[in-house]
């Protein structure tokens, strides 16, 4: 027979009022209800409480418990602005950010990065690059350029203005939004 916490505490309180010590009380309860029903350390803990606070049979209120938040309100808030981070929502709803993440995952939402649309050159930019390559080739052809003077690196292009790709909360199967790369214009001097 499995005893509830309250029943165990009542039995311990009864043994305490009979002026038994904690070890004897735990042994008596284990004899009546089976081995392992009442650990001695539990009996000692509750006997200490009975000595200090008389007949308290309940646990003290705990701090740091989960705050109940309105799940539907959190989901509605992220539908209004899918780019809201969990930490911002947690501050707004006064809870831990992992609580917000749990709500969204249970609601079938996933945090996705926006897609980056590839940068495409305009016709003027293509012509400018072609002309620059032609000039270099002509200099090489006319022996005005020594190839050992050219410093090369890996072919990696770094865009002048990289777009920020933020996170968004989307339902499963719903595509992420796109971030358009800027077309670069010639800087005015």
N, C-alpha and C. Protein backbone atom coordinates (compact mmCIF):
# COMPACT_ATOMS: atom_id res chain seq x y z
N UNK A 1 0.85 -1.18 0.00
CA UNK A 1 0.00 0.00 0.00
C UNK A 1 0.89 1.25 0.00
N UNK A 2 0.66 2.12 -0.94
CA UNK A 2 1.43 3.36 -1.07
C UNK A 2 0.75 4.48 -0.29
N UNK A 3 1.51 5.11 0.60
CA UNK A 3 0.97 6.20 1.40
C UNK A 3 1.25 7.53 0.72
N UNK A 4 0.31 8.46 0.86
CA UNK A 4 0.53 9.80 0.32
C UNK A 4 1.45 10.55 1.27
N UNK A 5 1.96 11.68 0.82
CA UNK A 5 2.84 12.50 1.67
C UNK A 5 2.11 12.94 2.94
N UNK A 6 0.86 13.34 2.76
CA UNK A 6 0.10 13.82 3.92
C UNK A 6 -0.10 12.70 4.94
N UNK A 7 -0.40 11.49 4.44
CA UNK A 7 -0.58 10.36 5.36
C UNK A 7 0.72 10.04 6.11
N UNK A 8 1.85 10.09 5.40
CA UNK A 8 3.14 9.83 6.05
C UNK A 8 3.42 10.87 7.13
N UNK A 9 3.10 12.12 6.84
CA UNK A 9 3.36 13.18 7.83
C UNK A 9 2.44 13.04 9.04
N UNK A 10 1.20 12.61 8.79
CA UNK A 10 0.28 12.38 9.92
C UNK A 10 0.81 11.26 10.81
N UNK A 11 1.30 10.18 10.17
CA UNK A 11 1.85 9.07 10.96
C UNK A 11 3.08 9.53 11.75
N UNK A 12 3.94 10.32 11.12
CA UNK A 12 5.12 10.83 11.83
C UNK A 12 4.72 11.74 12.99
N UNK A 13 3.71 12.58 12.76
CA UNK A 13 3.25 13.49 13.81
C UNK A 13 2.69 12.69 15.00
N UNK A 14 1.97 11.62 14.68
CA UNK A 14 1.42 10.76 15.73
C UNK A 14 2.56 10.14 16.54
N UNK A 15 3.59 9.63 15.85
CA UNK A 15 4.75 9.03 16.52
C UNK A 15 5.49 10.09 17.35
N UNK A 16 5.56 11.31 16.84
CA UNK A 16 6.22 12.41 17.55
C UNK A 16 5.49 12.71 18.87
N UNK A 17 4.14 12.69 18.80
CA UNK A 17 3.34 12.98 20.00
C UNK A 17 3.42 11.85 21.02
N UNK A 18 3.82 10.64 20.58
CA UNK A 18 4.03 9.52 21.51
C UNK A 18 5.43 9.58 22.14
N UNK A 19 6.18 10.66 21.84
CA UNK A 19 7.53 10.89 22.37
C UNK A 19 8.55 9.84 21.92
N UNK A 20 8.38 9.33 20.69
CA UNK A 20 9.38 8.44 20.11
C UNK A 20 10.40 9.29 19.36
N UNK A 21 11.61 8.76 19.15
CA UNK A 21 12.55 9.51 18.32
C UNK A 21 12.31 9.17 16.85
N UNK A 22 13.00 9.89 15.95
CA UNK A 22 12.75 9.75 14.51
C UNK A 22 13.08 8.36 14.00
N UNK A 23 14.16 7.76 14.49
CA UNK A 23 14.55 6.42 14.03
C UNK A 23 13.51 5.39 14.41
N UNK A 24 13.02 5.46 15.64
CA UNK A 24 11.98 4.51 16.09
C UNK A 24 10.70 4.70 15.29
N UNK A 25 10.35 5.97 15.03
CA UNK A 25 9.13 6.26 14.27
C UNK A 25 9.23 5.69 12.86
N UNK A 26 10.37 5.90 12.19
CA UNK A 26 10.56 5.37 10.83
C UNK A 26 10.50 3.86 10.84
N UNK A 27 11.13 3.23 11.84
CA UNK A 27 11.12 1.77 11.95
C UNK A 27 9.69 1.25 12.14
N UNK A 28 8.91 1.89 13.00
CA UNK A 28 7.53 1.46 13.25
C UNK A 28 6.67 1.56 11.98
N UNK A 29 6.83 2.67 11.26
CA UNK A 29 6.05 2.86 10.03
C UNK A 29 6.44 1.82 8.98
N UNK A 30 7.74 1.53 8.88
CA UNK A 30 8.20 0.51 7.91
C UNK A 30 7.71 -0.88 8.29
N UNK A 31 7.62 -1.18 9.59
CA UNK A 31 7.09 -2.48 10.02
C UNK A 31 5.62 -2.61 9.65
N UNK A 32 4.87 -1.53 9.79
CA UNK A 32 3.43 -1.57 9.52
C UNK A 32 3.12 -1.53 8.02
N UNK A 33 3.87 -0.78 7.26
CA UNK A 33 3.52 -0.55 5.85
C UNK A 33 4.53 -1.10 4.84
N UNK A 34 5.60 -1.68 5.30
CA UNK A 34 6.58 -2.29 4.39
C UNK A 34 7.88 -1.52 4.36
N UNK A 35 8.95 -2.26 4.06
CA UNK A 35 10.29 -1.66 4.04
C UNK A 35 10.36 -0.55 3.00
N UNK A 36 11.08 0.51 3.35
CA UNK A 36 11.28 1.62 2.42
C UNK A 36 10.15 2.63 2.40
N UNK A 37 9.11 2.41 3.20
CA UNK A 37 7.99 3.35 3.22
C UNK A 37 8.42 4.69 3.81
N UNK A 38 9.25 4.65 4.86
CA UNK A 38 9.66 5.89 5.51
C UNK A 38 11.16 5.88 5.75
N UNK A 39 11.93 6.62 4.96
CA UNK A 39 13.37 6.73 5.21
C UNK A 39 13.63 7.47 6.52
N UNK A 40 14.68 7.08 7.21
CA UNK A 40 15.00 7.68 8.51
C UNK A 40 15.29 9.18 8.36
N UNK A 41 15.98 9.56 7.28
CA UNK A 41 16.31 10.98 7.11
C UNK A 41 15.04 11.83 6.94
N UNK A 42 14.01 11.27 6.30
CA UNK A 42 12.74 12.00 6.16
C UNK A 42 12.08 12.17 7.53
N UNK A 43 12.11 11.12 8.31
CA UNK A 43 11.54 11.19 9.66
C UNK A 43 12.29 12.23 10.50
N UNK A 44 13.62 12.26 10.39
CA UNK A 44 14.41 13.23 11.15
C UNK A 44 14.08 14.66 10.71
N UNK A 45 13.93 14.85 9.41
CA UNK A 45 13.59 16.18 8.88
C UNK A 45 12.26 16.66 9.46
N UNK A 46 11.23 15.80 9.42
CA UNK A 46 9.91 16.22 9.89
C UNK A 46 9.86 16.32 11.42
N UNK A 47 10.60 15.51 12.13
CA UNK A 47 10.64 15.65 13.58
C UNK A 47 11.24 17.00 13.97
N UNK A 48 12.26 17.45 13.24
CA UNK A 48 12.84 18.77 13.50
C UNK A 48 11.79 19.86 13.28
N UNK A 49 10.99 19.73 12.21
CA UNK A 49 9.93 20.72 11.94
C UNK A 49 8.87 20.68 13.05
N UNK A 50 8.49 19.47 13.49
CA UNK A 50 7.48 19.36 14.54
C UNK A 50 7.98 20.00 15.84
N UNK A 51 9.27 19.87 16.13
CA UNK A 51 9.83 20.49 17.35
C UNK A 51 9.80 22.01 17.25
N UNK A 52 10.09 22.54 16.06
CA UNK A 52 10.18 23.99 15.89
C UNK A 52 8.83 24.66 15.64
N UNK A 53 7.96 23.99 14.89
CA UNK A 53 6.72 24.65 14.46
C UNK A 53 5.46 23.91 14.87
N UNK A 54 5.57 23.01 15.80
CA UNK A 54 4.42 22.25 16.31
C UNK A 54 3.77 21.39 15.22
N UNK A 55 2.58 21.74 14.77
CA UNK A 55 1.80 20.81 13.95
C UNK A 55 1.75 21.17 12.46
N UNK A 56 2.80 21.72 11.91
CA UNK A 56 2.79 22.01 10.47
C UNK A 56 2.99 20.71 9.71
N UNK A 57 2.03 20.36 8.85
CA UNK A 57 2.10 19.12 8.07
C UNK A 57 2.29 19.37 6.58
N UNK A 58 2.38 20.63 6.20
CA UNK A 58 2.49 20.94 4.77
C UNK A 58 3.87 21.52 4.47
N UNK A 59 4.27 21.47 3.21
CA UNK A 59 5.53 22.08 2.79
C UNK A 59 5.39 23.59 2.79
N UNK A 60 6.53 24.24 2.94
CA UNK A 60 6.54 25.70 2.84
C UNK A 60 6.36 26.10 1.38
N UNK A 61 5.75 27.26 1.13
CA UNK A 61 5.62 27.70 -0.26
C UNK A 61 7.00 27.87 -0.88
N UNK A 62 7.12 27.49 -2.14
CA UNK A 62 8.41 27.55 -2.82
C UNK A 62 8.50 28.80 -3.67
N UNK A 63 9.70 29.34 -3.75
CA UNK A 63 9.92 30.49 -4.62
C UNK A 63 10.37 30.01 -5.98
N UNK A 64 10.22 30.85 -6.97
CA UNK A 64 10.72 30.53 -8.30
C UNK A 64 9.87 29.56 -9.09
N UNK A 65 8.65 29.32 -8.65
CA UNK A 65 7.78 28.43 -9.40
C UNK A 65 7.38 29.07 -10.72
N UNK A 66 6.89 28.26 -11.63
CA UNK A 66 6.50 28.77 -12.93
C UNK A 66 5.29 29.70 -12.80
N UNK A 67 5.38 30.82 -13.48
CA UNK A 67 4.24 31.73 -13.54
C UNK A 67 3.29 31.22 -14.63
N UNK A 68 2.03 31.26 -14.34
CA UNK A 68 1.06 30.88 -15.35
C UNK A 68 0.87 32.06 -16.28
N UNK A 69 1.05 31.83 -17.56
CA UNK A 69 0.84 32.90 -18.53
C UNK A 69 -0.22 32.47 -19.51
N UNK A 70 -0.82 33.44 -20.13
CA UNK A 70 -1.86 33.17 -21.10
C UNK A 70 -1.20 32.73 -22.40
N UNK A 71 -1.30 31.43 -22.68
CA UNK A 71 -0.64 30.86 -23.86
C UNK A 71 -1.17 31.48 -25.15
N UNK A 72 -2.46 31.65 -25.22
CA UNK A 72 -3.05 32.19 -26.45
C UNK A 72 -2.61 33.64 -26.67
N UNK A 73 -2.45 34.38 -25.60
CA UNK A 73 -1.98 35.77 -25.73
C UNK A 73 -0.56 35.80 -26.29
N UNK A 74 0.30 34.88 -25.84
CA UNK A 74 1.67 34.82 -26.35
C UNK A 74 1.68 34.46 -27.82
N UNK A 75 0.84 33.51 -28.22
CA UNK A 75 0.77 33.11 -29.63
C UNK A 75 0.22 34.25 -30.48
N UNK A 76 -0.80 34.94 -29.98
CA UNK A 76 -1.35 36.08 -30.72
C UNK A 76 -0.31 37.19 -30.87
N UNK A 77 0.49 37.39 -29.84
CA UNK A 77 1.51 38.44 -29.88
C UNK A 77 2.56 38.14 -30.93
N UNK A 78 2.96 36.87 -31.05
CA UNK A 78 3.97 36.51 -32.05
C UNK A 78 3.38 36.50 -33.46
N UNK A 79 2.07 36.30 -33.57
CA UNK A 79 1.43 36.40 -34.90
C UNK A 79 1.42 37.84 -35.37
N UNK A 80 1.27 38.79 -34.43
CA UNK A 80 1.33 40.21 -34.79
C UNK A 80 2.71 40.60 -35.28
N UNK A 81 3.74 40.09 -34.60
CA UNK A 81 5.12 40.42 -34.97
C UNK A 81 5.97 39.16 -34.86
N UNK A 82 6.10 38.39 -35.97
CA UNK A 82 6.84 37.12 -35.92
C UNK A 82 8.32 37.26 -35.61
N UNK A 83 8.87 38.46 -35.71
CA UNK A 83 10.30 38.63 -35.46
C UNK A 83 10.61 38.88 -33.98
N UNK A 84 9.62 38.84 -33.11
CA UNK A 84 9.85 39.03 -31.67
C UNK A 84 10.68 37.87 -31.14
N UNK A 85 11.70 38.17 -30.35
CA UNK A 85 12.52 37.12 -29.76
C UNK A 85 11.84 36.58 -28.50
N UNK A 86 12.26 35.39 -28.10
CA UNK A 86 11.70 34.78 -26.89
C UNK A 86 12.00 35.63 -25.66
N UNK A 87 13.16 36.23 -25.63
CA UNK A 87 13.54 37.04 -24.47
C UNK A 87 12.68 38.31 -24.37
N UNK A 88 12.38 38.92 -25.50
CA UNK A 88 11.50 40.10 -25.47
C UNK A 88 10.11 39.71 -25.00
N UNK A 89 9.60 38.59 -25.53
CA UNK A 89 8.28 38.13 -25.10
C UNK A 89 8.28 37.73 -23.62
N UNK A 90 9.37 37.12 -23.18
CA UNK A 90 9.46 36.73 -21.76
C UNK A 90 9.43 37.96 -20.86
N UNK A 91 10.10 39.03 -21.27
CA UNK A 91 10.04 40.27 -20.49
C UNK A 91 8.63 40.84 -20.49
N UNK A 92 7.98 40.76 -21.62
CA UNK A 92 6.62 41.30 -21.74
C UNK A 92 5.63 40.51 -20.87
N UNK A 93 5.77 39.17 -20.85
CA UNK A 93 4.85 38.32 -20.10
C UNK A 93 5.36 37.97 -18.70
N UNK A 94 6.54 38.51 -18.34
CA UNK A 94 7.14 38.31 -17.02
C UNK A 94 7.29 36.83 -16.67
N UNK A 95 8.01 36.11 -17.53
CA UNK A 95 8.29 34.71 -17.30
C UNK A 95 9.67 34.40 -17.87
N UNK A 96 10.10 33.17 -17.77
CA UNK A 96 11.41 32.77 -18.30
C UNK A 96 11.29 32.53 -19.81
N UNK A 97 12.38 32.80 -20.53
CA UNK A 97 12.33 32.66 -21.99
C UNK A 97 12.10 31.21 -22.42
N UNK A 98 12.52 30.24 -21.61
CA UNK A 98 12.28 28.84 -21.99
C UNK A 98 10.79 28.50 -21.92
N UNK A 99 10.04 29.19 -21.08
CA UNK A 99 8.59 28.99 -21.02
C UNK A 99 7.96 29.42 -22.34
N UNK A 100 8.40 30.54 -22.88
CA UNK A 100 7.88 31.02 -24.17
C UNK A 100 8.24 30.03 -25.28
N UNK A 101 9.50 29.52 -25.26
CA UNK A 101 9.91 28.54 -26.27
C UNK A 101 9.04 27.29 -26.20
N UNK A 102 8.77 26.81 -24.99
CA UNK A 102 7.92 25.63 -24.83
C UNK A 102 6.53 25.86 -25.41
N UNK A 103 5.97 27.04 -25.15
CA UNK A 103 4.64 27.37 -25.66
C UNK A 103 4.63 27.31 -27.18
N UNK A 104 5.64 27.91 -27.82
CA UNK A 104 5.67 27.96 -29.28
C UNK A 104 5.91 26.58 -29.89
N UNK A 105 6.77 25.78 -29.26
CA UNK A 105 7.02 24.44 -29.80
C UNK A 105 5.78 23.56 -29.68
N UNK A 106 5.06 23.70 -28.57
CA UNK A 106 3.82 22.92 -28.40
C UNK A 106 2.73 23.39 -29.36
N UNK A 107 2.81 24.67 -29.75
CA UNK A 107 1.83 25.21 -30.70
C UNK A 107 2.23 24.92 -32.14
N UNK A 108 3.34 24.20 -32.34
CA UNK A 108 3.77 23.84 -33.69
C UNK A 108 4.50 24.95 -34.42
N UNK A 109 5.15 25.81 -33.69
CA UNK A 109 5.91 26.90 -34.32
C UNK A 109 7.39 26.61 -34.23
N UNK A 110 8.13 27.15 -35.19
CA UNK A 110 9.56 26.94 -35.27
C UNK A 110 10.23 28.27 -35.52
N UNK A 111 11.41 28.46 -34.97
CA UNK A 111 12.15 29.69 -35.17
C UNK A 111 13.01 29.53 -36.42
N UNK A 112 12.74 30.34 -37.45
CA UNK A 112 13.44 30.24 -38.73
C UNK A 112 14.14 31.54 -39.06
N UNK A 113 15.23 31.44 -39.78
CA UNK A 113 15.91 32.63 -40.32
C UNK A 113 15.23 32.99 -41.63
N UNK A 114 15.19 34.28 -41.93
CA UNK A 114 14.63 34.70 -43.21
C UNK A 114 15.60 34.30 -44.31
N UNK A 115 15.06 33.99 -45.49
CA UNK A 115 15.89 33.59 -46.62
C UNK A 115 16.56 34.81 -47.24
N UNK A 116 17.75 34.63 -47.71
CA UNK A 116 18.48 35.71 -48.35
C UNK A 116 18.32 35.57 -49.86
N UNK A 117 17.77 36.58 -50.49
CA UNK A 117 17.60 36.56 -51.94
C UNK A 117 18.95 36.88 -52.57
N UNK A 118 19.41 36.06 -53.53
CA UNK A 118 20.74 36.30 -54.09
C UNK A 118 20.84 37.66 -54.77
N UNK A 119 22.02 38.23 -54.65
CA UNK A 119 22.30 39.53 -55.22
C UNK A 119 22.52 39.37 -56.72
N UNK A 120 21.83 40.16 -57.52
CA UNK A 120 21.99 40.10 -58.97
C UNK A 120 22.54 41.43 -59.47
N UNK A 121 23.48 41.33 -60.40
CA UNK A 121 24.09 42.54 -60.96
C UNK A 121 23.18 43.16 -62.01
N UNK A 122 23.21 44.48 -62.08
CA UNK A 122 22.49 45.17 -63.15
C UNK A 122 23.36 45.12 -64.40
N UNK A 123 22.78 45.46 -65.54
CA UNK A 123 23.53 45.45 -66.80
C UNK A 123 24.71 46.42 -66.74
N UNK A 124 24.53 47.57 -66.11
CA UNK A 124 25.61 48.56 -66.02
C UNK A 124 26.76 48.00 -65.18
N UNK A 125 26.44 47.29 -64.08
CA UNK A 125 27.48 46.71 -63.24
C UNK A 125 28.23 45.60 -63.98
N UNK A 126 27.48 44.79 -64.73
CA UNK A 126 28.13 43.74 -65.52
C UNK A 126 29.09 44.34 -66.53
N UNK A 127 28.65 45.41 -67.21
CA UNK A 127 29.50 46.06 -68.23
C UNK A 127 30.75 46.65 -67.58
N UNK A 128 30.60 47.27 -66.41
CA UNK A 128 31.73 47.87 -65.71
C UNK A 128 32.77 46.81 -65.34
N UNK A 129 32.33 45.66 -64.85
CA UNK A 129 33.25 44.58 -64.49
C UNK A 129 33.92 43.99 -65.72
N UNK A 130 33.16 43.85 -66.80
CA UNK A 130 33.72 43.33 -68.05
C UNK A 130 34.80 44.27 -68.58
N UNK A 131 34.54 45.57 -68.54
CA UNK A 131 35.52 46.55 -69.02
C UNK A 131 36.79 46.51 -68.17
N UNK A 132 36.65 46.37 -66.85
CA UNK A 132 37.82 46.31 -65.96
C UNK A 132 38.66 45.08 -66.28
N UNK A 133 38.03 43.95 -66.50
CA UNK A 133 38.76 42.73 -66.86
C UNK A 133 39.46 42.90 -68.21
N UNK A 134 38.76 43.52 -69.17
CA UNK A 134 39.35 43.75 -70.50
C UNK A 134 40.59 44.63 -70.40
N UNK A 135 40.54 45.68 -69.57
CA UNK A 135 41.70 46.57 -69.42
C UNK A 135 42.90 45.81 -68.86
N UNK A 136 42.66 44.96 -67.85
CA UNK A 136 43.74 44.18 -67.26
C UNK A 136 44.31 43.22 -68.30
N UNK A 137 43.42 42.58 -69.08
CA UNK A 137 43.88 41.64 -70.12
C UNK A 137 44.69 42.36 -71.19
N UNK A 138 44.25 43.56 -71.59
CA UNK A 138 44.99 44.32 -72.61
C UNK A 138 46.38 44.71 -72.09
N UNK A 139 46.49 45.12 -70.83
CA UNK A 139 47.79 45.45 -70.26
C UNK A 139 48.71 44.24 -70.25
N UNK A 140 48.14 43.08 -69.95
CA UNK A 140 48.93 41.85 -69.94
C UNK A 140 49.38 41.49 -71.36
N UNK A 141 48.45 41.64 -72.30
CA UNK A 141 48.77 41.33 -73.70
C UNK A 141 49.86 42.24 -74.26
N UNK A 142 49.91 43.48 -73.84
CA UNK A 142 50.90 44.45 -74.32
C UNK A 142 52.18 44.44 -73.48
N UNK A 143 52.35 43.43 -72.65
CA UNK A 143 53.50 43.29 -71.75
C UNK A 143 53.69 44.49 -70.83
N UNK A 144 52.59 45.15 -70.48
CA UNK A 144 52.66 46.25 -69.53
C UNK A 144 52.38 45.76 -68.11
N UNK A 145 52.00 44.51 -67.98
CA UNK A 145 51.61 43.97 -66.67
C UNK A 145 52.32 42.64 -66.47
N UNK A 146 53.03 42.53 -65.36
CA UNK A 146 53.70 41.28 -65.01
C UNK A 146 52.77 40.53 -64.05
N UNK A 147 52.49 39.28 -64.35
CA UNK A 147 51.55 38.51 -63.51
C UNK A 147 52.04 38.35 -62.08
N UNK A 148 53.33 38.43 -61.87
CA UNK A 148 53.87 38.30 -60.51
C UNK A 148 53.56 39.53 -59.66
N UNK A 149 53.12 40.62 -60.30
CA UNK A 149 52.76 41.83 -59.56
C UNK A 149 51.33 41.75 -59.00
N UNK A 150 50.58 40.80 -59.46
CA UNK A 150 49.18 40.68 -59.03
C UNK A 150 49.11 39.81 -57.78
N UNK A 151 48.47 40.31 -56.77
CA UNK A 151 48.26 39.57 -55.53
C UNK A 151 46.86 39.00 -55.59
N UNK A 152 46.76 37.69 -55.40
CA UNK A 152 45.43 37.06 -55.43
C UNK A 152 45.17 36.38 -54.10
N UNK A 153 43.92 36.14 -53.84
CA UNK A 153 43.48 35.46 -52.62
C UNK A 153 42.40 34.46 -53.02
N UNK A 154 41.83 33.81 -52.04
CA UNK A 154 40.68 32.97 -52.33
C UNK A 154 39.59 33.84 -52.91
N UNK A 155 38.78 33.22 -53.73
CA UNK A 155 37.70 33.99 -54.33
C UNK A 155 36.54 34.07 -53.35
N UNK A 156 36.55 35.11 -52.58
CA UNK A 156 35.47 35.34 -51.63
C UNK A 156 35.10 36.81 -51.73
N UNK A 157 33.87 37.06 -52.04
CA UNK A 157 33.40 38.43 -52.17
C UNK A 157 32.64 38.80 -50.93
N UNK A 158 32.93 39.93 -50.39
CA UNK A 158 32.23 40.42 -49.21
C UNK A 158 31.39 41.60 -49.65
N UNK A 159 30.12 41.49 -49.43
CA UNK A 159 29.21 42.56 -49.83
C UNK A 159 29.46 43.79 -48.97
N UNK A 160 29.26 44.96 -49.56
CA UNK A 160 29.47 46.22 -48.85
C UNK A 160 28.49 46.38 -47.71
N UNK A 161 27.25 46.01 -47.92
CA UNK A 161 26.22 46.16 -46.91
C UNK A 161 25.49 44.83 -46.78
N UNK A 162 25.86 44.04 -45.79
CA UNK A 162 25.23 42.74 -45.60
C UNK A 162 23.89 42.92 -44.91
N UNK A 163 22.83 42.34 -45.45
CA UNK A 163 21.52 42.49 -44.80
C UNK A 163 21.46 41.67 -43.52
N UNK A 164 20.69 42.14 -42.57
CA UNK A 164 20.49 41.41 -41.32
C UNK A 164 19.35 40.42 -41.52
N UNK A 165 19.64 39.16 -41.28
CA UNK A 165 18.61 38.13 -41.40
C UNK A 165 18.13 37.79 -40.00
N UNK A 166 16.96 38.26 -39.63
CA UNK A 166 16.44 38.02 -38.29
C UNK A 166 15.70 36.70 -38.20
N UNK A 167 15.42 36.28 -36.96
CA UNK A 167 14.64 35.08 -36.72
C UNK A 167 13.16 35.42 -36.75
N UNK A 168 12.37 34.44 -37.13
CA UNK A 168 10.92 34.60 -37.13
C UNK A 168 10.29 33.31 -36.65
N UNK A 169 9.19 33.44 -35.92
CA UNK A 169 8.44 32.27 -35.49
C UNK A 169 7.39 31.98 -36.54
N UNK A 170 7.46 30.80 -37.15
CA UNK A 170 6.54 30.40 -38.20
C UNK A 170 5.92 29.06 -37.86
N UNK A 171 4.70 28.84 -38.35
CA UNK A 171 4.07 27.54 -38.19
C UNK A 171 4.78 26.54 -39.07
N UNK A 172 4.68 25.26 -38.71
CA UNK A 172 5.32 24.23 -39.51
C UNK A 172 4.74 24.24 -40.91
N UNK A 173 5.60 24.19 -41.90
CA UNK A 173 5.17 24.20 -43.29
C UNK A 173 5.02 25.59 -43.88
N UNK A 174 5.00 26.61 -43.04
CA UNK A 174 4.88 27.99 -43.51
C UNK A 174 6.26 28.49 -43.90
N UNK A 175 6.42 29.03 -45.12
CA UNK A 175 7.75 29.46 -45.55
C UNK A 175 8.21 30.70 -44.79
N UNK A 176 9.53 30.85 -44.70
CA UNK A 176 10.07 32.03 -44.05
C UNK A 176 10.05 33.19 -45.03
N UNK A 177 10.11 34.41 -44.51
CA UNK A 177 10.10 35.58 -45.37
C UNK A 177 11.47 35.74 -46.00
N UNK A 178 11.60 36.68 -46.93
CA UNK A 178 12.88 36.84 -47.60
C UNK A 178 13.46 38.21 -47.28
N UNK A 179 14.79 38.28 -47.28
CA UNK A 179 15.52 39.52 -47.08
C UNK A 179 16.20 39.85 -48.39
N UNK A 180 15.86 40.97 -48.97
CA UNK A 180 16.41 41.37 -50.27
C UNK A 180 17.77 41.99 -50.08
N UNK A 181 18.74 41.55 -50.87
CA UNK A 181 20.05 42.18 -50.85
C UNK A 181 19.96 43.49 -51.59
N UNK A 182 20.72 44.49 -51.15
CA UNK A 182 20.70 45.79 -51.79
C UNK A 182 21.55 45.74 -53.06
N UNK A 183 21.13 46.45 -54.08
CA UNK A 183 21.93 46.60 -55.28
C UNK A 183 22.83 47.80 -55.04
N UNK A 184 24.12 47.59 -55.19
CA UNK A 184 25.07 48.60 -54.83
C UNK A 184 25.26 49.60 -55.96
N UNK A 185 25.21 50.83 -55.60
CA UNK A 185 25.44 51.94 -56.57
C UNK A 185 26.85 52.46 -56.37
N UNK A 186 27.35 53.13 -57.37
CA UNK A 186 28.67 53.73 -57.28
C UNK A 186 28.63 54.86 -56.25
N UNK A 187 29.63 54.88 -55.39
CA UNK A 187 29.68 55.92 -54.37
C UNK A 187 30.03 57.26 -55.02
N UNK A 188 29.40 58.28 -54.53
CA UNK A 188 29.74 59.62 -55.04
C UNK A 188 31.00 60.09 -54.34
N UNK A 189 31.88 60.70 -55.08
CA UNK A 189 33.19 61.09 -54.51
C UNK A 189 33.20 62.50 -54.06
